[in-house]
């Protein structure tokens, strides 16, 4: 298997275990995106792996969020009309993988971290340690890599609006009740449960797994036009003065570092002084 900079991959009995390890907070930055692209390439060609289990080596952060700081001094992003963003397209590739994908959530998954989880087939979370959020509205954006679309599908209109407009953190029990995750489990049981489910599925005939995934995907696939609209709106506002001002405030106050702001991001962004 390929060497990765931001996570490891271990394979056994038809199960690939991917463990994110990209200090300090598993940021979805350029290095992470490149690794995920290579992983998608590998998995799309892989006929031996039946289940992919994704977890984090950092108990406090699964995937933090998109690297907003990288946009501060970059030229304005341009996206061709009628196209989703590269990150949205990447997450959609994960949603269509031939393997069953399982997210094992311990720690924080906000913004693009939550959107990556939403693109997986199943999500299980630590009752004591998991937090989910879509805080983009606090810097003048919307979830731009499938979050708005997939949350509306899974949670319904009212709860998706609560998540995306409130910008607050959600614990595992609430996320389970809303349908954001499959189950909230005691932290001590999470890893064993996910591994047992992955091994059980991987032991079944590949044809049956493929048929189930294909039909469920046909019924539940995210609307492509909505994904494009979401991306276009996100990229269109990424360079807006108000957005850049709020992102700069976030970076100046400890954003994208392992500290108080990132650990309590949902509440912290609500304290912007403007």
Protein backbone atom coordinates (compact mmCIF):
# COMPACT_ATOMS: atom_id res chain seq x y z
CA UNK A 1 0.00 0.00 0.00
CA UNK A 2 1.03 3.64 -0.50
CA UNK A 3 2.77 5.66 2.14
CA UNK A 4 0.69 8.50 3.55
CA UNK A 5 1.71 11.61 5.46
CA UNK A 6 -1.51 12.29 7.38
CA UNK A 7 -2.81 8.82 8.24
CA UNK A 8 -1.86 5.17 8.29
CA UNK A 9 -3.54 2.22 6.61
CA UNK A 10 -3.46 -1.34 7.89
CA UNK A 11 -5.18 -4.24 6.11
CA UNK A 12 -6.36 -7.51 7.54
CA UNK A 13 -8.97 -10.04 6.40
CA UNK A 14 -10.69 -7.71 3.97
CA UNK A 15 -10.79 -4.74 6.36
CA UNK A 16 -8.66 -1.63 5.85
CA UNK A 17 -8.21 0.43 9.02
CA UNK A 18 -7.34 4.07 8.29
CA UNK A 19 -6.13 6.05 11.30
CA UNK A 20 -5.76 9.83 10.97
CA UNK A 21 -2.59 11.25 12.52
CA UNK A 22 -1.90 14.80 11.35
CA UNK A 23 -0.88 17.02 14.28
CA UNK A 24 -1.93 19.20 15.87
CA UNK A 25 -5.66 18.74 15.13
CA UNK A 26 -6.04 16.60 11.98
CA UNK A 27 -6.75 19.64 9.84
CA UNK A 28 -8.23 19.03 6.39
CA UNK A 29 -5.40 20.82 4.61
CA UNK A 30 -3.56 20.29 1.32
CA UNK A 31 -1.52 17.36 2.65
CA UNK A 32 -4.64 15.63 3.98
CA UNK A 33 -6.54 16.17 0.73
CA UNK A 34 -3.67 14.74 -1.34
CA UNK A 35 -3.56 11.65 0.89
CA UNK A 36 -7.34 11.20 0.66
CA UNK A 37 -7.16 11.47 -3.13
CA UNK A 38 -4.52 8.73 -3.23
CA UNK A 39 -6.56 6.59 -0.84
CA UNK A 40 -9.66 6.96 -3.03
CA UNK A 41 -7.61 5.98 -6.07
CA UNK A 42 -6.38 2.85 -4.30
CA UNK A 43 -9.75 1.81 -2.97
CA UNK A 44 -11.51 2.26 -6.31
CA UNK A 45 -9.08 -0.29 -7.79
CA UNK A 46 -9.07 -2.61 -4.76
CA UNK A 47 -11.09 -5.80 -5.18
CA UNK A 48 -9.77 -7.44 -2.00
CA UNK A 49 -10.89 -4.88 0.58
CA UNK A 50 -14.57 -5.04 1.52
CA UNK A 51 -14.75 -2.65 4.47
CA UNK A 52 -12.85 0.54 5.34
CA UNK A 53 -12.87 1.59 8.99
CA UNK A 54 -11.79 5.20 9.56
CA UNK A 55 -10.71 6.47 12.97
CA UNK A 56 -8.29 8.93 14.55
CA UNK A 57 -5.11 8.40 16.54
CA UNK A 58 -5.88 11.72 18.27
CA UNK A 59 -8.62 11.17 20.89
CA UNK A 60 -9.57 14.88 20.82
CA UNK A 61 -9.88 15.42 17.07
CA UNK A 62 -11.20 13.12 14.34
CA UNK A 63 -10.89 15.68 11.53
CA UNK A 64 -11.00 19.27 12.78
CA UNK A 65 -12.22 21.24 9.74
CA UNK A 66 -11.05 22.75 6.44
CA UNK A 67 -7.82 24.77 6.41
CA UNK A 68 -9.41 28.22 6.38
CA UNK A 69 -6.13 29.92 7.25
CA UNK A 70 -4.65 28.90 3.90
CA UNK A 71 -7.17 31.17 2.14
CA UNK A 72 -6.17 34.40 3.87
CA UNK A 73 -3.30 35.32 1.55
CA UNK A 74 -4.31 33.21 -1.42
CA UNK A 75 -5.80 34.61 -4.64
CA UNK A 76 -9.60 34.39 -4.82
CA UNK A 77 -10.80 30.87 -5.52
CA UNK A 78 -12.39 30.32 -8.93
CA UNK A 79 -14.75 27.47 -9.70
CA UNK A 80 -16.04 26.74 -13.21
CA UNK A 81 -19.80 27.09 -13.59
CA UNK A 82 -21.67 23.84 -13.11
CA UNK A 83 -18.91 22.17 -11.08
CA UNK A 84 -18.69 21.16 -7.44
CA UNK A 85 -15.53 22.05 -5.56
CA UNK A 86 -12.62 19.58 -5.60
CA UNK A 87 -13.20 18.82 -1.90
CA UNK A 88 -16.91 18.17 -2.45
CA UNK A 89 -16.09 15.94 -5.42
CA UNK A 90 -13.55 14.03 -3.33
CA UNK A 91 -16.04 13.37 -0.55
CA UNK A 92 -18.59 12.22 -3.14
CA UNK A 93 -16.03 9.71 -4.39
CA UNK A 94 -15.85 8.27 -0.88
CA UNK A 95 -19.64 8.00 -0.80
CA UNK A 96 -19.51 5.87 -3.96
CA UNK A 97 -16.63 3.55 -3.05
CA UNK A 98 -17.28 -0.15 -3.68
CA UNK A 99 -16.26 -0.87 -0.08
CA UNK A 100 -18.43 -0.31 2.97
CA UNK A 101 -17.09 2.73 4.83
CA UNK A 102 -17.48 3.09 8.61
CA UNK A 103 -16.57 6.18 10.60
CA UNK A 104 -15.47 5.64 14.20
CA UNK A 105 -15.83 9.07 15.78
CA UNK A 106 -13.89 9.93 18.89
CA UNK A 107 -13.14 13.62 19.36
CA UNK A 108 -14.21 16.59 17.23
CA UNK A 109 -15.46 16.54 13.65
CA UNK A 110 -16.52 19.97 12.49
CA UNK A 111 -16.91 21.60 9.09
CA UNK A 112 -15.16 19.45 6.50
CA UNK A 113 -14.53 16.82 9.20
CA UNK A 114 -18.25 16.41 9.68
CA UNK A 115 -18.79 16.52 5.91
CA UNK A 116 -16.31 13.70 5.39
CA UNK A 117 -18.16 11.59 7.95
CA UNK A 118 -21.47 12.38 6.25
CA UNK A 119 -20.10 10.93 3.00
CA UNK A 120 -19.37 7.59 4.68
CA UNK A 121 -21.84 4.72 4.79
CA UNK A 122 -22.10 4.54 8.59
CA UNK A 123 -21.03 6.62 11.58
CA UNK A 124 -20.60 5.49 15.19
CA UNK A 125 -19.53 7.87 17.95
CA UNK A 126 -18.16 7.92 21.48
CA UNK A 127 -20.83 9.08 23.89
CA UNK A 128 -18.25 10.73 26.13
CA UNK A 129 -15.76 12.14 23.60
CA UNK A 130 -17.47 12.92 20.28
CA UNK A 131 -18.53 16.38 19.10
CA UNK A 132 -19.99 17.29 15.71
CA UNK A 133 -20.58 20.72 14.22
CA UNK A 134 -20.96 22.82 11.09
CA UNK A 135 -19.72 26.25 12.25
CA UNK A 136 -19.20 27.82 8.80
CA UNK A 137 -22.05 30.31 9.20
CA UNK A 138 -20.05 32.09 11.91
CA UNK A 139 -17.48 33.24 9.32
CA UNK A 140 -20.08 34.03 6.66
CA UNK A 141 -20.07 30.72 4.80
CA UNK A 142 -22.18 27.60 4.45
CA UNK A 143 -20.96 24.01 4.63
CA UNK A 144 -19.34 23.72 1.20
CA UNK A 145 -18.40 20.07 0.72
CA UNK A 146 -21.74 18.31 0.97
CA UNK A 147 -22.73 19.19 4.53
CA UNK A 148 -25.79 21.28 3.77
CA UNK A 149 -27.10 18.73 1.28
CA UNK A 150 -26.41 15.53 3.22
CA UNK A 151 -27.59 16.96 6.55
CA UNK A 152 -30.90 17.97 4.95
CA UNK A 153 -31.25 14.42 3.64
CA UNK A 154 -30.43 12.75 6.95
CA UNK A 155 -31.89 15.15 9.51
CA UNK A 156 -34.73 16.82 7.65
CA UNK A 157 -35.24 20.53 7.00
CA UNK A 158 -35.67 21.86 10.53
CA UNK A 159 -32.78 20.05 12.15
CA UNK A 160 -30.44 20.70 9.20
CA UNK A 161 -31.21 24.41 9.52
CA UNK A 162 -30.62 24.24 13.28
CA UNK A 163 -27.20 22.67 12.72
CA UNK A 164 -26.07 24.89 9.84
CA UNK A 165 -27.49 28.21 11.07
CA UNK A 166 -26.77 27.76 14.78
CA UNK A 167 -23.15 26.73 14.20
CA UNK A 168 -22.98 25.04 17.60
CA UNK A 169 -21.46 21.74 18.70
CA UNK A 170 -23.60 18.62 19.07
CA UNK A 171 -22.83 15.73 21.39
CA UNK A 172 -23.14 12.11 20.33
CA UNK A 173 -26.47 11.45 22.03
CA UNK A 174 -28.12 14.39 20.27
CA UNK A 175 -26.48 13.45 16.97
CA UNK A 176 -27.86 9.93 17.33
CA UNK A 177 -31.35 11.24 18.08
CA UNK A 178 -31.19 13.53 15.05
CA UNK A 179 -30.00 10.77 12.71
CA UNK A 180 -26.56 12.35 12.13
CA UNK A 181 -24.87 9.13 13.32
CA UNK A 182 -25.98 5.51 13.52
CA UNK A 183 -25.32 5.05 17.23
CA UNK A 184 -23.73 6.69 20.25
CA UNK A 185 -21.75 4.12 22.23
CA UNK A 186 -19.80 4.20 25.49
CA UNK A 187 -16.24 5.20 24.69
CA UNK A 188 -14.85 1.94 26.06
CA UNK A 189 -17.05 -0.05 23.66
CA UNK A 190 -16.70 2.04 20.49
CA UNK A 191 -13.56 0.51 18.99
CA UNK A 192 -14.58 -3.08 19.65
CA UNK A 193 -18.06 -2.53 18.24
CA UNK A 194 -16.77 -0.95 15.03
CA UNK A 195 -14.12 -3.61 14.51
CA UNK A 196 -16.61 -6.43 15.07
CA UNK A 197 -19.07 -4.91 12.60
CA UNK A 198 -16.33 -4.37 10.02
CA UNK A 199 -15.11 -7.98 10.33
CA UNK A 200 -18.65 -9.35 10.17
CA UNK A 201 -19.47 -7.47 6.96
CA UNK A 202 -16.10 -8.34 5.40
CA UNK A 203 -16.78 -12.04 5.97
CA UNK A 204 -19.88 -11.97 3.73
CA UNK A 205 -19.77 -12.58 -0.05
CA UNK A 206 -18.57 -9.57 -2.01
CA UNK A 207 -21.46 -9.76 -4.48
CA UNK A 208 -24.09 -9.28 -1.80
CA UNK A 209 -22.25 -6.31 -0.34
CA UNK A 210 -21.94 -4.72 -3.77
CA UNK A 211 -25.62 -5.21 -4.59
CA UNK A 212 -26.78 -3.68 -1.31
CA UNK A 213 -24.50 -0.66 -1.70
CA UNK A 214 -25.52 -0.11 -5.33
CA UNK A 215 -29.26 -0.07 -4.64
CA UNK A 216 -29.01 2.03 -1.47
CA UNK A 217 -26.79 4.50 -3.34
CA UNK A 218 -29.37 4.77 -6.11
CA UNK A 219 -32.07 5.65 -3.59
CA UNK A 220 -30.07 7.95 -1.31
CA UNK A 221 -27.36 9.60 -3.45
CA UNK A 222 -26.91 13.30 -2.73
CA UNK A 223 -28.43 15.51 -5.41
CA UNK A 224 -25.59 16.54 -7.74
CA UNK A 225 -27.17 19.86 -8.70
CA UNK A 226 -27.53 20.74 -5.01
CA UNK A 227 -23.88 19.83 -4.37
CA UNK A 228 -22.81 22.11 -7.22
CA UNK A 229 -24.98 24.95 -5.92
CA UNK A 230 -23.53 24.52 -2.44
CA UNK A 231 -19.94 24.61 -3.73
CA UNK A 232 -20.56 27.63 -5.93
CA UNK A 233 -21.99 29.59 -3.01
CA UNK A 234 -19.12 28.56 -0.70
CA UNK A 235 -16.38 29.51 -3.15
CA UNK A 236 -18.18 32.72 -4.09
CA UNK A 237 -18.09 33.95 -0.49
CA UNK A 238 -14.68 32.56 0.51
CA UNK A 239 -12.91 35.80 -0.44
CA UNK A 240 -15.57 38.19 0.83
CA UNK A 241 -14.09 40.88 3.13
CA UNK A 242 -16.35 39.94 6.03
CA UNK A 243 -15.40 36.28 5.77
CA UNK A 244 -11.67 37.01 5.59
CA UNK A 245 -11.96 39.35 8.58
CA UNK A 246 -13.63 36.68 10.70
CA UNK A 247 -11.18 33.98 9.60
CA UNK A 248 -8.27 36.27 10.47
CA UNK A 249 -9.79 36.88 13.93
CA UNK A 250 -10.11 33.13 14.36
CA UNK A 251 -6.45 32.56 13.38
CA UNK A 252 -5.23 35.39 15.63
CA UNK A 253 -7.03 33.82 18.59
CA UNK A 254 -5.60 30.31 18.30
CA UNK A 255 -7.42 28.86 15.32
CA UNK A 256 -6.07 25.64 13.84
CA UNK A 257 -3.94 24.96 16.91
CA UNK A 258 -4.65 22.56 19.75
CA UNK A 259 -6.00 25.02 22.26
CA UNK A 260 -9.11 26.48 23.85
CA UNK A 261 -10.57 27.98 20.68
CA UNK A 262 -10.48 24.77 18.66
CA UNK A 263 -11.66 22.63 21.54
CA UNK A 264 -14.70 24.87 22.08
CA UNK A 265 -15.05 26.19 18.53
CA UNK A 266 -18.83 26.29 18.35
CA UNK A 267 -19.05 28.63 21.34
CA UNK A 268 -15.86 30.55 20.54
CA UNK A 269 -16.98 31.65 17.07
CA UNK A 270 -20.16 33.02 18.61
CA UNK A 271 -18.01 35.46 20.59
CA UNK A 272 -16.66 37.30 17.54
CA UNK A 273 -16.55 40.95 18.63
CA UNK A 274 -17.80 42.47 15.37
